[in-house]
Amino acid sequence: MDIQARVPPALAALHNFILRHDSVEWEHILNVGLDDPTPGTRGEQADFGVLARGATTAQEKRRSELKRDQMAQAMWESYQQVLAERGENFAFE
């Protein structure tokens, strides 16, 4: 725990150091447009990177919850597999 407590401040210091001493790259990052990292996978969606203009719909909420639950289940199954490979017998279902 002693080392873990030092990680966030160290990362913040590193972040600040990079911002101060690598201004050329920082300026490049600020000037990069909203390029689609996976072109062609979203059809003709023109608002890539734009915030929503209203509240989420019930359908969108259900879709997001389903995706979240699928991701959590996949992570849980992966974790259980790691425990089984290690031979640890305190895996829960």
N, C-alpha and C. Protein backbone atom coordinates (compact mmCIF):
# COMPACT_ATOMS: atom_id res chain seq x y z
N MET A 1 0.82 -1.19 0.00
CA MET A 1 0.00 0.00 0.00
C MET A 1 0.87 1.25 0.00
N ASP A 2 2.03 1.16 0.58
CA ASP A 2 2.93 2.31 0.65
C ASP A 2 3.32 2.76 -0.76
N ILE A 3 3.61 1.82 -1.64
CA ILE A 3 3.99 2.16 -3.01
C ILE A 3 2.79 2.66 -3.79
N GLN A 4 1.64 2.01 -3.61
CA GLN A 4 0.43 2.41 -4.33
C GLN A 4 0.06 3.86 -4.04
N ALA A 5 0.27 4.30 -2.82
CA ALA A 5 -0.07 5.68 -2.45
C ALA A 5 0.83 6.69 -3.16
N ARG A 6 1.98 6.26 -3.61
CA ARG A 6 2.92 7.17 -4.28
C ARG A 6 2.71 7.24 -5.79
N VAL A 7 1.96 6.31 -6.35
CA VAL A 7 1.80 6.26 -7.80
C VAL A 7 1.05 7.48 -8.35
N PRO A 8 -0.14 7.84 -7.84
CA PRO A 8 -0.85 9.00 -8.42
C PRO A 8 -0.04 10.30 -8.40
N PRO A 9 0.60 10.67 -7.28
CA PRO A 9 1.40 11.89 -7.32
C PRO A 9 2.57 11.80 -8.31
N ALA A 10 3.16 10.62 -8.43
CA ALA A 10 4.26 10.46 -9.39
C ALA A 10 3.76 10.63 -10.81
N LEU A 11 2.60 10.08 -11.11
CA LEU A 11 2.03 10.24 -12.45
C LEU A 11 1.67 11.69 -12.73
N ALA A 12 1.15 12.38 -11.73
CA ALA A 12 0.82 13.80 -11.90
C ALA A 12 2.09 14.61 -12.16
N ALA A 13 3.15 14.31 -11.43
CA ALA A 13 4.42 15.01 -11.64
C ALA A 13 4.97 14.73 -13.03
N LEU A 14 4.90 13.48 -13.48
CA LEU A 14 5.36 13.12 -14.82
C LEU A 14 4.53 13.84 -15.87
N HIS A 15 3.23 13.89 -15.68
CA HIS A 15 2.33 14.59 -16.60
C HIS A 15 2.73 16.06 -16.72
N ASN A 16 2.93 16.71 -15.58
CA ASN A 16 3.32 18.12 -15.58
C ASN A 16 4.68 18.32 -16.22
N PHE A 17 5.62 17.42 -15.98
CA PHE A 17 6.94 17.51 -16.59
C PHE A 17 6.84 17.44 -18.11
N ILE A 18 6.05 16.49 -18.60
CA ILE A 18 5.89 16.34 -20.05
C ILE A 18 5.25 17.59 -20.64
N LEU A 19 4.23 18.12 -19.99
CA LEU A 19 3.58 19.33 -20.50
C LEU A 19 4.54 20.51 -20.55
N ARG A 20 5.39 20.61 -19.55
CA ARG A 20 6.30 21.75 -19.49
C ARG A 20 7.45 21.62 -20.49
N HIS A 21 7.99 20.43 -20.66
CA HIS A 21 9.21 20.26 -21.45
C HIS A 21 8.98 19.69 -22.85
N ASP A 22 7.76 19.40 -23.22
CA ASP A 22 7.49 18.87 -24.55
C ASP A 22 6.34 19.66 -25.18
N SER A 23 6.49 20.97 -25.22
CA SER A 23 5.42 21.84 -25.70
C SER A 23 5.12 21.64 -27.18
N VAL A 24 6.12 21.24 -27.96
CA VAL A 24 5.89 21.06 -29.39
C VAL A 24 4.86 19.95 -29.61
N GLU A 25 5.06 18.83 -28.94
CA GLU A 25 4.11 17.73 -29.09
C GLU A 25 2.74 18.12 -28.55
N TRP A 26 2.70 18.85 -27.45
CA TRP A 26 1.43 19.26 -26.87
C TRP A 26 0.66 20.14 -27.85
N GLU A 27 1.36 21.06 -28.51
CA GLU A 27 0.70 21.91 -29.50
C GLU A 27 0.15 21.07 -30.64
N HIS A 28 0.88 20.04 -31.03
CA HIS A 28 0.40 19.15 -32.10
C HIS A 28 -0.88 18.43 -31.66
N ILE A 29 -0.91 17.98 -30.43
CA ILE A 29 -2.09 17.28 -29.93
C ILE A 29 -3.29 18.21 -29.91
N LEU A 30 -3.10 19.45 -29.50
CA LEU A 30 -4.21 20.40 -29.44
C LEU A 30 -4.75 20.73 -30.83
N ASN A 31 -3.90 20.65 -31.85
CA ASN A 31 -4.31 21.01 -33.20
C ASN A 31 -4.85 19.85 -34.01
N VAL A 32 -4.85 18.67 -33.46
CA VAL A 32 -5.36 17.52 -34.18
C VAL A 32 -6.88 17.61 -34.24
N GLY A 33 -7.43 17.38 -35.42
CA GLY A 33 -8.88 17.42 -35.58
C GLY A 33 -9.53 16.18 -35.01
N LEU A 34 -10.81 16.11 -35.16
CA LEU A 34 -11.55 14.95 -34.67
C LEU A 34 -11.56 13.87 -35.73
N ASP A 35 -10.42 13.26 -35.94
CA ASP A 35 -10.33 12.18 -36.91
C ASP A 35 -11.00 10.94 -36.35
N ASP A 36 -11.73 10.27 -37.20
CA ASP A 36 -12.39 9.03 -36.80
C ASP A 36 -11.33 7.93 -36.73
N PRO A 37 -11.09 7.34 -35.55
CA PRO A 37 -10.05 6.32 -35.43
C PRO A 37 -10.38 5.02 -36.16
N THR A 38 -11.66 4.82 -36.45
CA THR A 38 -12.07 3.62 -37.18
C THR A 38 -13.01 4.03 -38.31
N PRO A 39 -12.48 4.61 -39.36
CA PRO A 39 -13.34 5.12 -40.44
C PRO A 39 -14.12 4.00 -41.11
N GLY A 40 -15.34 4.33 -41.46
CA GLY A 40 -16.18 3.38 -42.17
C GLY A 40 -16.97 2.44 -41.29
N THR A 41 -16.74 2.46 -39.99
CA THR A 41 -17.46 1.53 -39.12
C THR A 41 -18.74 2.12 -38.56
N ARG A 42 -18.96 3.39 -38.75
CA ARG A 42 -20.15 4.04 -38.20
C ARG A 42 -21.11 4.53 -39.28
N GLY A 43 -20.92 4.11 -40.49
CA GLY A 43 -21.78 4.57 -41.56
C GLY A 43 -21.54 6.04 -41.83
N GLU A 44 -22.60 6.78 -41.97
CA GLU A 44 -22.49 8.21 -42.27
C GLU A 44 -22.75 9.07 -41.05
N GLN A 45 -22.39 8.60 -39.91
CA GLN A 45 -22.60 9.36 -38.67
C GLN A 45 -21.73 10.61 -38.73
N ALA A 46 -22.37 11.77 -38.80
CA ALA A 46 -21.63 13.01 -38.99
C ALA A 46 -21.24 13.69 -37.68
N ASP A 47 -21.74 13.24 -36.56
CA ASP A 47 -21.47 13.93 -35.30
C ASP A 47 -20.46 13.20 -34.42
N PHE A 48 -19.46 12.59 -35.04
CA PHE A 48 -18.43 11.89 -34.28
C PHE A 48 -17.73 12.87 -33.35
N GLY A 49 -17.71 12.55 -32.07
CA GLY A 49 -17.04 13.38 -31.09
C GLY A 49 -17.88 14.52 -30.55
N VAL A 50 -19.12 14.64 -30.98
CA VAL A 50 -19.99 15.71 -30.54
C VAL A 50 -20.82 15.21 -29.36
N LEU A 51 -21.00 16.06 -28.37
CA LEU A 51 -21.80 15.69 -27.21
C LEU A 51 -23.27 15.59 -27.58
N ALA A 52 -24.01 14.80 -26.84
CA ALA A 52 -25.44 14.64 -27.08
C ALA A 52 -26.16 15.96 -26.81
N ARG A 53 -27.30 16.10 -27.44
CA ARG A 53 -28.07 17.34 -27.28
C ARG A 53 -29.25 17.18 -26.33
N GLY A 54 -29.35 16.05 -25.70
CA GLY A 54 -30.47 15.84 -24.79
C GLY A 54 -30.24 14.62 -23.92
N ALA A 55 -31.27 14.29 -23.17
CA ALA A 55 -31.18 13.13 -22.29
C ALA A 55 -31.17 11.85 -23.11
N THR A 56 -30.63 10.80 -22.53
CA THR A 56 -30.61 9.52 -23.23
C THR A 56 -32.01 8.93 -23.25
N THR A 57 -32.28 8.19 -24.30
CA THR A 57 -33.59 7.53 -24.40
C THR A 57 -33.57 6.24 -23.60
N ALA A 58 -34.75 5.71 -23.34
CA ALA A 58 -34.85 4.44 -22.61
C ALA A 58 -34.16 3.32 -23.39
N GLN A 59 -34.30 3.35 -24.71
CA GLN A 59 -33.67 2.33 -25.55
C GLN A 59 -32.15 2.42 -25.46
N GLU A 60 -31.63 3.64 -25.51
CA GLU A 60 -30.18 3.82 -25.41
C GLU A 60 -29.67 3.40 -24.04
N LYS A 61 -30.44 3.70 -23.00
CA LYS A 61 -30.06 3.30 -21.65
C LYS A 61 -30.01 1.78 -21.52
N ARG A 62 -31.03 1.09 -22.06
CA ARG A 62 -31.05 -0.38 -22.01
C ARG A 62 -29.86 -0.96 -22.78
N ARG A 63 -29.57 -0.38 -23.94
CA ARG A 63 -28.45 -0.86 -24.74
C ARG A 63 -27.13 -0.68 -23.99
N SER A 64 -26.97 0.46 -23.35
CA SER A 64 -25.75 0.72 -22.58
C SER A 64 -25.64 -0.22 -21.38
N GLU A 65 -26.75 -0.45 -20.70
CA GLU A 65 -26.74 -1.36 -19.56
C GLU A 65 -26.40 -2.78 -19.99
N LEU A 66 -26.95 -3.20 -21.13
CA LEU A 66 -26.65 -4.53 -21.65
C LEU A 66 -25.16 -4.65 -21.98
N LYS A 67 -24.61 -3.63 -22.63
CA LYS A 67 -23.18 -3.64 -22.98
C LYS A 67 -22.34 -3.69 -21.71
N ARG A 68 -22.71 -2.89 -20.71
CA ARG A 68 -21.98 -2.89 -19.44
C ARG A 68 -22.01 -4.26 -18.79
N ASP A 69 -23.19 -4.87 -18.76
CA ASP A 69 -23.33 -6.19 -18.14
C ASP A 69 -22.54 -7.25 -18.90
N GLN A 70 -22.52 -7.16 -20.23
CA GLN A 70 -21.75 -8.11 -21.03
C GLN A 70 -20.26 -7.97 -20.75
N MET A 71 -19.80 -6.72 -20.64
CA MET A 71 -18.38 -6.49 -20.34
C MET A 71 -18.03 -7.01 -18.96
N ALA A 72 -18.90 -6.76 -17.98
CA ALA A 72 -18.65 -7.23 -16.61
C ALA A 72 -18.62 -8.75 -16.57
N GLN A 73 -19.53 -9.39 -17.28
CA GLN A 73 -19.57 -10.85 -17.31
C GLN A 73 -18.30 -11.41 -17.94
N ALA A 74 -17.87 -10.80 -19.05
CA ALA A 74 -16.64 -11.26 -19.71
C ALA A 74 -15.43 -11.10 -18.80
N MET A 75 -15.38 -9.98 -18.07
CA MET A 75 -14.27 -9.77 -17.13
C MET A 75 -14.31 -10.80 -16.01
N TRP A 76 -15.51 -11.09 -15.50
CA TRP A 76 -15.66 -12.07 -14.42
C TRP A 76 -15.22 -13.45 -14.88
N GLU A 77 -15.65 -13.84 -16.08
CA GLU A 77 -15.28 -15.15 -16.61
C GLU A 77 -13.77 -15.24 -16.83
N SER A 78 -13.17 -14.16 -17.31
CA SER A 78 -11.72 -14.14 -17.49
C SER A 78 -11.01 -14.28 -16.15
N TYR A 79 -11.51 -13.59 -15.14
CA TYR A 79 -10.93 -13.66 -13.81
C TYR A 79 -11.04 -15.08 -13.24
N GLN A 80 -12.20 -15.70 -13.43
CA GLN A 80 -12.39 -17.06 -12.95
C GLN A 80 -11.43 -18.02 -13.64
N GLN A 81 -11.19 -17.78 -14.93
CA GLN A 81 -10.26 -18.62 -15.69
C GLN A 81 -8.84 -18.47 -15.14
N VAL A 82 -8.45 -17.25 -14.82
CA VAL A 82 -7.12 -17.01 -14.25
C VAL A 82 -6.99 -17.74 -12.91
N LEU A 83 -8.03 -17.65 -12.08
CA LEU A 83 -7.99 -18.34 -10.79
C LEU A 83 -7.86 -19.84 -10.98
N ALA A 84 -8.60 -20.38 -11.95
CA ALA A 84 -8.55 -21.83 -12.20
C ALA A 84 -7.16 -22.23 -12.69
N GLU A 85 -6.55 -21.41 -13.55
CA GLU A 85 -5.21 -21.71 -14.05
C GLU A 85 -4.18 -21.68 -12.94
N ARG A 86 -4.40 -20.82 -11.96
CA ARG A 86 -3.48 -20.73 -10.82
C ARG A 86 -3.74 -21.83 -9.79
N GLY A 87 -4.86 -22.51 -9.95
CA GLY A 87 -5.20 -23.55 -9.00
C GLY A 87 -5.79 -23.02 -7.71
N GLU A 88 -6.27 -21.81 -7.73
CA GLU A 88 -6.88 -21.23 -6.54
C GLU A 88 -8.33 -21.68 -6.48
N ASN A 89 -8.75 -22.14 -5.33
CA ASN A 89 -10.07 -22.75 -5.22
C ASN A 89 -11.10 -21.86 -4.52
N PHE A 90 -10.88 -20.57 -4.47
CA PHE A 90 -11.88 -19.72 -3.85
C PHE A 90 -12.66 -18.92 -4.89
N ALA A 91 -12.77 -19.48 -6.08
CA ALA A 91 -13.55 -18.84 -7.14
C ALA A 91 -15.03 -18.93 -6.81
N PHE A 92 -15.74 -17.85 -7.07
CA PHE A 92 -17.18 -17.80 -6.82
C PHE A 92 -17.92 -17.82 -8.14
N GLU A 93 -19.12 -18.28 -8.10
CA GLU A 93 -19.96 -18.29 -9.31
C GLU A 93 -20.99 -17.21 -9.23
